């Protein structure tokens, strides 16, 4: 007999070793997230997936599921915090969705829609961030980076190249490139690398593909992020 936890009143089975996030997604229950990818070790950096477990707020992507846990996720308090975090991500970078090649395929944009974000609410920081077009096949636009570290983990754990890393602290944090020049074109990054594929925003783009799929025909033009990640899921 499988073990179970309860998420928002729904009984959810889990396997030994699964996190709350793993169990939820396997059962078709969507918990908002940006830095989580089931292919990599849990990271817990974006905090969007915070849930309340037996009265304590924790990151669902890192906490193991344990028999009898009572989990609250889709509640007003947590959704308000997720909305605020998402709004902060927009103002701390330079996200211009109408002109972005990733619009309609962007997880950050899709999460914002899911949470009902209608405005950034906070004052924009307008940080000065460099774009790097030195690579023949890949464009790096740091203006759209949310520091989820998915590209860092993919390059290190899957590609075995360690192309990317984070440098600096706080608002001065940047996505750094591990080459003597600091340019992406001077690394051994290939367009087929996992690190190129996992970016949830438009920070890493494959060149010469922009708008080949027209606006209106992109993934999130037809599906919510909840539908995409749960196959329809529970209402």
C-alpha atoms as a PDB file:
ATOM      1  CA  UNK A   1       0.000   0.000   0.000  1.00  0.00           C
ATOM      2  CA  UNK A   2       1.432   3.393  -0.989  1.00  0.00           C
ATOM      3  CA  UNK A   3       1.944   6.117   1.541  1.00  0.00           C
ATOM      4  CA  UNK A   4      -0.010   9.348   1.261  1.00  0.00           C
ATOM      5  CA  UNK A   5       0.057  13.007   2.159  1.00  0.00           C
ATOM      6  CA  UNK A   6      -2.784  15.520   1.931  1.00  0.00           C
ATOM      7  CA  UNK A   7      -2.454  18.618  -0.278  1.00  0.00           C
ATOM      8  CA  UNK A   8      -5.288  21.145   0.012  1.00  0.00           C
ATOM      9  CA  UNK A   9      -7.597  18.356   1.148  1.00  0.00           C
ATOM     10  CA  UNK A  10      -6.635  16.005  -1.688  1.00  0.00           C
ATOM     11  CA  UNK A  11      -5.062  12.650  -0.828  1.00  0.00           C
ATOM     12  CA  UNK A  12      -1.793  12.333  -2.758  1.00  0.00           C
ATOM     13  CA  UNK A  13       0.266   9.114  -2.868  1.00  0.00           C
ATOM     14  CA  UNK A  14       4.053   9.218  -2.858  1.00  0.00           C
ATOM     15  CA  UNK A  15       7.019   6.905  -3.242  1.00  0.00           C
ATOM     16  CA  UNK A  16       9.886   6.702  -0.788  1.00  0.00           C
ATOM     17  CA  UNK A  17      12.392   9.439  -1.581  1.00  0.00           C
ATOM     18  CA  UNK A  18       9.966  11.755  -3.342  1.00  0.00           C
ATOM     19  CA  UNK A  19       9.669  15.369  -2.259  1.00  0.00           C
ATOM     20  CA  UNK A  20       6.314  17.056  -1.759  1.00  0.00           C
ATOM     21  CA  UNK A  21       6.803  18.713  -5.157  1.00  0.00           C
ATOM     22  CA  UNK A  22       7.525  15.352  -6.832  1.00  0.00           C
ATOM     23  CA  UNK A  23       4.432  13.778  -5.307  1.00  0.00           C
ATOM     24  CA  UNK A  24       2.250  16.742  -6.205  1.00  0.00           C
ATOM     25  CA  UNK A  25       3.261  16.860  -9.868  1.00  0.00           C
ATOM     26  CA  UNK A  26       2.959  13.075 -10.188  1.00  0.00           C
ATOM     27  CA  UNK A  27      -0.619  13.376  -8.927  1.00  0.00           C
ATOM     28  CA  UNK A  28      -1.478  16.274 -11.232  1.00  0.00           C
ATOM     29  CA  UNK A  29      -1.344  18.919  -8.498  1.00  0.00           C
ATOM     30  CA  UNK A  30       0.385  22.132  -9.548  1.00  0.00           C
ATOM     31  CA  UNK A  31       2.574  24.032  -7.091  1.00  0.00           C
ATOM     32  CA  UNK A  32       4.039  27.192  -8.696  1.00  0.00           C
ATOM     33  CA  UNK A  33       7.809  27.061  -9.186  1.00  0.00           C
ATOM     34  CA  UNK A  34      10.623  28.381 -11.393  1.00  0.00           C
ATOM     35  CA  UNK A  35      13.938  26.913 -10.212  1.00  0.00           C
ATOM     36  CA  UNK A  36      12.678  23.319  -9.928  1.00  0.00           C
ATOM     37  CA  UNK A  37      13.491  20.782 -12.630  1.00  0.00           C
ATOM     38  CA  UNK A  38      12.981  17.061 -11.915  1.00  0.00           C
ATOM     39  CA  UNK A  39      16.182  16.254 -13.812  1.00  0.00           C
ATOM     40  CA  UNK A  40      18.343  18.026 -11.234  1.00  0.00           C
ATOM     41  CA  UNK A  41      18.880  17.887  -7.496  1.00  0.00           C
ATOM     42  CA  UNK A  42      16.393  20.203  -5.686  1.00  0.00           C
ATOM     43  CA  UNK A  43      17.701  23.717  -5.221  1.00  0.00           C
ATOM     44  CA  UNK A  44      15.084  25.756  -3.353  1.00  0.00           C
ATOM     45  CA  UNK A  45      16.220  29.163  -4.559  1.00  0.00           C
ATOM     46  CA  UNK A  46      13.103  30.807  -6.036  1.00  0.00           C
ATOM     47  CA  UNK A  47      10.813  30.126  -3.014  1.00  0.00           C
ATOM     48  CA  UNK A  48       7.686  30.193  -5.187  1.00  0.00           C
ATOM     49  CA  UNK A  49       6.991  26.587  -4.234  1.00  0.00           C
ATOM     50  CA  UNK A  50       6.734  27.382  -0.519  1.00  0.00           C
ATOM     51  CA  UNK A  51       3.883  25.466   1.109  1.00  0.00           C
ATOM     52  CA  UNK A  52       2.582  25.129   4.639  1.00  0.00           C
ATOM     53  CA  UNK A  53       3.262  21.699   6.134  1.00  0.00           C
ATOM     54  CA  UNK A  54       1.685  20.999   9.508  1.00  0.00           C
ATOM     55  CA  UNK A  55       1.776  24.719  10.305  1.00  0.00           C
ATOM     56  CA  UNK A  56       5.304  25.466   9.036  1.00  0.00           C
ATOM     57  CA  UNK A  57       6.246  27.145   5.742  1.00  0.00           C
ATOM     58  CA  UNK A  58       8.806  25.137   3.762  1.00  0.00           C
ATOM     59  CA  UNK A  59      10.045  24.729   0.173  1.00  0.00           C
ATOM     60  CA  UNK A  60       8.091  21.851  -1.342  1.00  0.00           C
ATOM     61  CA  UNK A  61      10.872  21.055  -3.833  1.00  0.00           C
ATOM     62  CA  UNK A  62      13.336  20.147  -1.077  1.00  0.00           C
ATOM     63  CA  UNK A  63      11.213  18.695   1.737  1.00  0.00           C
ATOM     64  CA  UNK A  64      10.740  14.903   1.544  1.00  0.00           C
ATOM     65  CA  UNK A  65       7.169  13.650   1.609  1.00  0.00           C
ATOM     66  CA  UNK A  66       6.353  11.890   4.895  1.00  0.00           C
ATOM     67  CA  UNK A  67       3.268   9.837   5.700  1.00  0.00           C
ATOM     68  CA  UNK A  68       0.467  11.932   7.145  1.00  0.00           C
ATOM     69  CA  UNK A  69       1.730  15.398   6.200  1.00  0.00           C
ATOM     70  CA  UNK A  70      -1.014  18.000   5.929  1.00  0.00           C
ATOM     71  CA  UNK A  71       0.025  20.399   3.161  1.00  0.00           C
ATOM     72  CA  UNK A  72      -1.576  23.713   2.251  1.00  0.00           C
ATOM     73  CA  UNK A  73      -0.545  25.277  -1.044  1.00  0.00           C
ATOM     74  CA  UNK A  74      -3.354  26.958  -2.964  1.00  0.00           C
ATOM     75  CA  UNK A  75      -4.328  29.407  -0.225  1.00  0.00           C
ATOM     76  CA  UNK A  76      -4.602  33.196  -0.274  1.00  0.00           C
ATOM     77  CA  UNK A  77      -1.620  33.863   2.022  1.00  0.00           C
ATOM     78  CA  UNK A  78       0.851  31.785   0.021  1.00  0.00           C
ATOM     79  CA  UNK A  79      -0.454  32.936  -3.362  1.00  0.00           C
ATOM     80  CA  UNK A  80      -0.049  36.554  -2.247  1.00  0.00           C
ATOM     81  CA  UNK A  81       3.574  35.864  -1.325  1.00  0.00           C
ATOM     82  CA  UNK A  82       4.157  34.112  -4.667  1.00  0.00           C
ATOM     83  CA  UNK A  83       2.672  37.077  -6.496  1.00  0.00           C
ATOM     84  CA  UNK A  84       4.938  39.500  -4.628  1.00  0.00           C
ATOM     85  CA  UNK A  85       8.028  37.377  -5.390  1.00  0.00           C
ATOM     86  CA  UNK A  86       7.091  37.224  -9.065  1.00  0.00           C
ATOM     87  CA  UNK A  87       6.536  40.968  -9.223  1.00  0.00           C
ATOM     88  CA  UNK A  88       9.964  41.478  -7.657  1.00  0.00           C
ATOM     89  CA  UNK A  89      11.570  39.264 -10.308  1.00  0.00           C
ATOM     90  CA  UNK A  90      10.077  41.476 -13.012  1.00  0.00           C
ATOM     91  CA  UNK A  91      11.279  44.777 -11.544  1.00  0.00           C
ATOM     92  CA  UNK A  92      14.730  43.503 -10.566  1.00  0.00           C
ATOM     93  CA  UNK A  93      15.463  42.663 -14.205  1.00  0.00           C
ATOM     94  CA  UNK A  94      14.561  44.196 -17.541  1.00  0.00           C
ATOM     95  CA  UNK A  95      11.650  42.073 -18.752  1.00  0.00           C
ATOM     96  CA  UNK A  96       9.958  43.545 -21.822  1.00  0.00           C
ATOM     97  CA  UNK A  97       7.496  40.787 -22.647  1.00  0.00           C
ATOM     98  CA  UNK A  98       5.879  42.251 -25.797  1.00  0.00           C
ATOM     99  CA  UNK A  99       9.282  42.482 -27.516  1.00  0.00           C
ATOM    100  CA  UNK A 100      10.879  39.340 -26.066  1.00  0.00           C
ATOM    101  CA  UNK A 101      11.516  36.354 -28.352  1.00  0.00           C
ATOM    102  CA  UNK A 102      10.510  34.019 -25.508  1.00  0.00           C
ATOM    103  CA  UNK A 103       7.075  35.597 -24.994  1.00  0.00           C
ATOM    104  CA  UNK A 104       4.461  32.860 -25.032  1.00  0.00           C
ATOM    105  CA  UNK A 105       7.066  30.217 -24.208  1.00  0.00           C
ATOM    106  CA  UNK A 106       8.360  31.860 -21.022  1.00  0.00           C
ATOM    107  CA  UNK A 107       7.754  30.171 -17.678  1.00  0.00           C
ATOM    108  CA  UNK A 108       8.182  33.411 -15.720  1.00  0.00           C
ATOM    109  CA  UNK A 109       5.514  35.075 -17.854  1.00  0.00           C
ATOM    110  CA  UNK A 110       3.251  32.026 -17.531  1.00  0.00           C
ATOM    111  CA  UNK A 111       3.609  31.921 -13.744  1.00  0.00           C
ATOM    112  CA  UNK A 112       2.769  35.634 -13.608  1.00  0.00           C
ATOM    113  CA  UNK A 113      -0.416  35.006 -15.585  1.00  0.00           C
ATOM    114  CA  UNK A 114      -1.310  32.037 -13.375  1.00  0.00           C
ATOM    115  CA  UNK A 115      -0.926  34.152 -10.235  1.00  0.00           C
ATOM    116  CA  UNK A 116      -3.059  36.934 -11.690  1.00  0.00           C
ATOM    117  CA  UNK A 117      -0.250  39.485 -11.990  1.00  0.00           C
ATOM    118  CA  UNK A 118      -1.633  42.577 -13.738  1.00  0.00           C
ATOM    119  CA  UNK A 119       1.206  45.004 -12.971  1.00  0.00           C
ATOM    120  CA  UNK A 120       4.734  44.891 -11.523  1.00  0.00           C
ATOM    121  CA  UNK A 121       3.468  46.867  -8.473  1.00  0.00           C
ATOM    122  CA  UNK A 122       7.001  47.837  -7.366  1.00  0.00           C
ATOM    123  CA  UNK A 123       9.263  50.477  -8.891  1.00  0.00           C
ATOM    124  CA  UNK A 124      11.531  49.134 -11.635  1.00  0.00           C
ATOM    125  CA  UNK A 125      15.222  48.882 -10.834  1.00  0.00           C
ATOM    126  CA  UNK A 126      16.312  49.184 -14.506  1.00  0.00           C
ATOM    127  CA  UNK A 127      19.676  47.521 -13.775  1.00  0.00           C
ATOM    128  CA  UNK A 128      22.512  47.824 -16.260  1.00  0.00           C
ATOM    129  CA  UNK A 129      23.149  44.292 -17.476  1.00  0.00           C
ATOM    130  CA  UNK A 130      25.260  43.228 -20.405  1.00  0.00           C
ATOM    131  CA  UNK A 131      24.057  41.092 -23.292  1.00  0.00           C
ATOM    132  CA  UNK A 132      26.570  38.730 -24.879  1.00  0.00           C
ATOM    133  CA  UNK A 133      26.199  37.897 -28.582  1.00  0.00           C
ATOM    134  CA  UNK A 134      29.754  36.562 -29.013  1.00  0.00           C
ATOM    135  CA  UNK A 135      28.723  32.918 -29.443  1.00  0.00           C
ATOM    136  CA  UNK A 136      27.882  31.891 -33.034  1.00  0.00           C
ATOM    137  CA  UNK A 137      24.692  30.049 -32.061  1.00  0.00           C
ATOM    138  CA  UNK A 138      23.577  31.238 -28.619  1.00  0.00           C
ATOM    139  CA  UNK A 139      22.611  34.673 -27.292  1.00  0.00           C
ATOM    140  CA  UNK A 140      22.990  35.492 -23.597  1.00  0.00           C
ATOM    141  CA  UNK A 141      20.743  38.344 -22.445  1.00  0.00           C
ATOM    142  CA  UNK A 142      21.348  38.909 -18.743  1.00  0.00           C
ATOM    143  CA  UNK A 143      18.464  41.399 -18.613  1.00  0.00           C
ATOM    144  CA  UNK A 144      16.072  38.451 -18.395  1.00  0.00           C
ATOM    145  CA  UNK A 145      18.019  36.267 -15.950  1.00  0.00           C
ATOM    146  CA  UNK A 146      16.228  35.383 -12.691  1.00  0.00           C
ATOM    147  CA  UNK A 147      19.182  33.483 -11.144  1.00  0.00           C
ATOM    148  CA  UNK A 148      17.356  30.166 -10.949  1.00  0.00           C
ATOM    149  CA  UNK A 149      20.726  28.500 -11.696  1.00  0.00           C
ATOM    150  CA  UNK A 150      19.137  25.909 -13.983  1.00  0.00           C
ATOM    151  CA  UNK A 151      21.755  26.625 -16.666  1.00  0.00           C
ATOM    152  CA  UNK A 152      24.501  26.447 -14.028  1.00  0.00           C
ATOM    153  CA  UNK A 153      23.327  23.044 -12.829  1.00  0.00           C
ATOM    154  CA  UNK A 154      22.686  21.720 -16.333  1.00  0.00           C
ATOM    155  CA  UNK A 155      26.134  22.736 -17.557  1.00  0.00           C
ATOM    156  CA  UNK A 156      27.810  21.176 -14.546  1.00  0.00           C
ATOM    157  CA  UNK A 157      25.698  18.073 -13.969  1.00  0.00           C
ATOM    158  CA  UNK A 158      24.627  17.114 -17.499  1.00  0.00           C
ATOM    159  CA  UNK A 159      26.973  18.751 -19.998  1.00  0.00           C
ATOM    160  CA  UNK A 160      30.089  18.383 -17.821  1.00  0.00           C
ATOM    161  CA  UNK A 161      31.352  21.796 -18.938  1.00  0.00           C
ATOM    162  CA  UNK A 162      30.752  24.259 -16.072  1.00  0.00           C
ATOM    163  CA  UNK A 163      30.127  27.128 -18.500  1.00  0.00           C
ATOM    164  CA  UNK A 164      27.945  29.245 -16.208  1.00  0.00           C
ATOM    165  CA  UNK A 165      28.094  30.460 -12.611  1.00  0.00           C
ATOM    166  CA  UNK A 166      26.758  33.248 -10.412  1.00  0.00           C
ATOM    167  CA  UNK A 167      29.046  36.078  -9.374  1.00  0.00           C
ATOM    168  CA  UNK A 168      28.461  38.902  -6.888  1.00  0.00           C
ATOM    169  CA  UNK A 169      25.910  39.324  -4.132  1.00  0.00           C
ATOM    170  CA  UNK A 170      22.434  40.807  -3.806  1.00  0.00           C
ATOM    171  CA  UNK A 171      21.388  43.230  -6.525  1.00  0.00           C
ATOM    172  CA  UNK A 172      24.913  43.049  -7.967  1.00  0.00           C
ATOM    173  CA  UNK A 173      24.634  39.341  -8.719  1.00  0.00           C
ATOM    174  CA  UNK A 174      25.271  38.470 -12.368  1.00  0.00           C
ATOM    175  CA  UNK A 175      25.231  35.315 -14.460  1.00  0.00           C
ATOM    176  CA  UNK A 176      28.928  34.854 -15.174  1.00  0.00           C
ATOM    177  CA  UNK A 177      30.602  32.922 -17.992  1.00  0.00           C
ATOM    178  CA  UNK A 178      33.599  30.775 -17.163  1.00  0.00           C
ATOM    179  CA  UNK A 179      36.103  31.854 -19.796  1.00  0.00           C
ATOM    180  CA  UNK A 180      39.244  33.988 -19.604  1.00  0.00           C
ATOM    181  CA  UNK A 181      37.532  36.781 -21.523  1.00  0.00           C
ATOM    182  CA  UNK A 182      34.183  36.350 -19.777  1.00  0.00           C
ATOM    183  CA  UNK A 183      32.547  35.931 -23.194  1.00  0.00           C
ATOM    184  CA  UNK A 184      30.263  33.074 -24.119  1.00  0.00           C
ATOM    185  CA  UNK A 185      31.938  32.734 -27.495  1.00  0.00           C
ATOM    186  CA  UNK A 186      35.188  31.724 -25.791  1.00  0.00           C
ATOM    187  CA  UNK A 187      33.621  28.701 -24.056  1.00  0.00           C
ATOM    188  CA  UNK A 188      32.944  25.204 -25.369  1.00  0.00           C
ATOM    189  CA  UNK A 189      29.163  25.677 -25.077  1.00  0.00           C
ATOM    190  CA  UNK A 190      27.277  23.908 -27.877  1.00  0.00           C
ATOM    191  CA  UNK A 191      23.794  24.812 -29.067  1.00  0.00           C
ATOM    192  CA  UNK A 192      22.719  21.238 -28.250  1.00  0.00           C
ATOM    193  CA  UNK A 193      23.835  21.473 -24.600  1.00  0.00           C
ATOM    194  CA  UNK A 194      21.263  20.983 -21.849  1.00  0.00           C
ATOM    195  CA  UNK A 195      22.256  24.366 -20.403  1.00  0.00           C
ATOM    196  CA  UNK A 196      20.862  26.062 -23.513  1.00  0.00           C
ATOM    197  CA  UNK A 197      17.517  24.261 -23.221  1.00  0.00           C
ATOM    198  CA  UNK A 198      16.546  24.759 -19.567  1.00  0.00           C
ATOM    199  CA  UNK A 199      16.316  28.551 -19.179  1.00  0.00           C
ATOM    200  CA  UNK A 200      12.754  29.405 -18.019  1.00  0.00           C
ATOM    201  CA  UNK A 201      13.002  32.963 -19.402  1.00  0.00           C
ATOM    202  CA  UNK A 202      14.605  34.581 -22.453  1.00  0.00           C
ATOM    203  CA  UNK A 203      18.061  34.881 -20.906  1.00  0.00           C
ATOM    204  CA  UNK A 204      19.529  32.121 -23.096  1.00  0.00           C
ATOM    205  CA  UNK A 205      18.264  32.107 -26.676  1.00  0.00           C
ATOM    206  CA  UNK A 206      19.226  30.103 -29.727  1.00  0.00           C
ATOM    207  CA  UNK A 207      20.060  32.474 -32.539  1.00  0.00           C
ATOM    208  CA  UNK A 208      18.162  32.620 -35.837  1.00  0.00           C
ATOM    209  CA  UNK A 209      15.023  31.092 -34.337  1.00  0.00           C
ATOM    210  CA  UNK A 210      13.307  34.221 -33.083  1.00  0.00           C
ATOM    211  CA  UNK A 211       9.609  34.358 -33.961  1.00  0.00           C
ATOM    212  CA  UNK A 212       9.763  31.283 -36.219  1.00  0.00           C
ATOM    213  CA  UNK A 213       6.713  30.248 -34.187  1.00  0.00           C
ATOM    214  CA  UNK A 214       4.358  33.255 -34.375  1.00  0.00           C
ATOM    215  CA  UNK A 215       2.835  34.884 -31.322  1.00  0.00           C
ATOM    216  CA  UNK A 216      -0.534  33.206 -30.840  1.00  0.00           C
ATOM    217  CA  UNK A 217       0.809  29.753 -31.669  1.00  0.00           C
ATOM    218  CA  UNK A 218       3.189  29.360 -28.746  1.00  0.00           C
ATOM    219  CA  UNK A 219       2.883  26.991 -25.798  1.00  0.00           C
ATOM    220  CA  UNK A 220       1.319  29.339 -23.266  1.00  0.00           C
ATOM    221  CA  UNK A 221      -0.939  30.959 -25.842  1.00  0.00           C
ATOM    222  CA  UNK A 222      -3.037  27.791 -25.547  1.00  0.00           C
ATOM    223  CA  UNK A 223      -2.165  26.272 -22.163  1.00  0.00           C
ATOM    224  CA  UNK A 224      -1.711  27.587 -18.646  1.00  0.00           C
ATOM    225  CA  UNK A 225       1.494  26.548 -16.940  1.00  0.00           C
ATOM    226  CA  UNK A 226      -0.621  24.432 -14.584  1.00  0.00           C
ATOM    227  CA  UNK A 227      -2.133  22.529 -17.517  1.00  0.00           C
ATOM    228  CA  UNK A 228       1.268  22.013 -19.132  1.00  0.00           C
ATOM    229  CA  UNK A 229       2.951  20.660 -16.023  1.00  0.00           C
ATOM    230  CA  UNK A 230       0.112  18.506 -14.764  1.00  0.00           C
ATOM    231  CA  UNK A 231      -1.546  17.353 -17.958  1.00  0.00           C
ATOM    232  CA  UNK A 232      -4.750  19.124 -16.999  1.00  0.00           C
ATOM    233  CA  UNK A 233      -4.482  18.495 -13.275  1.00  0.00           C
ATOM    234  CA  UNK A 234      -7.035  19.086 -10.579  1.00  0.00           C
ATOM    235  CA  UNK A 235      -9.165  22.177 -10.369  1.00  0.00           C
END
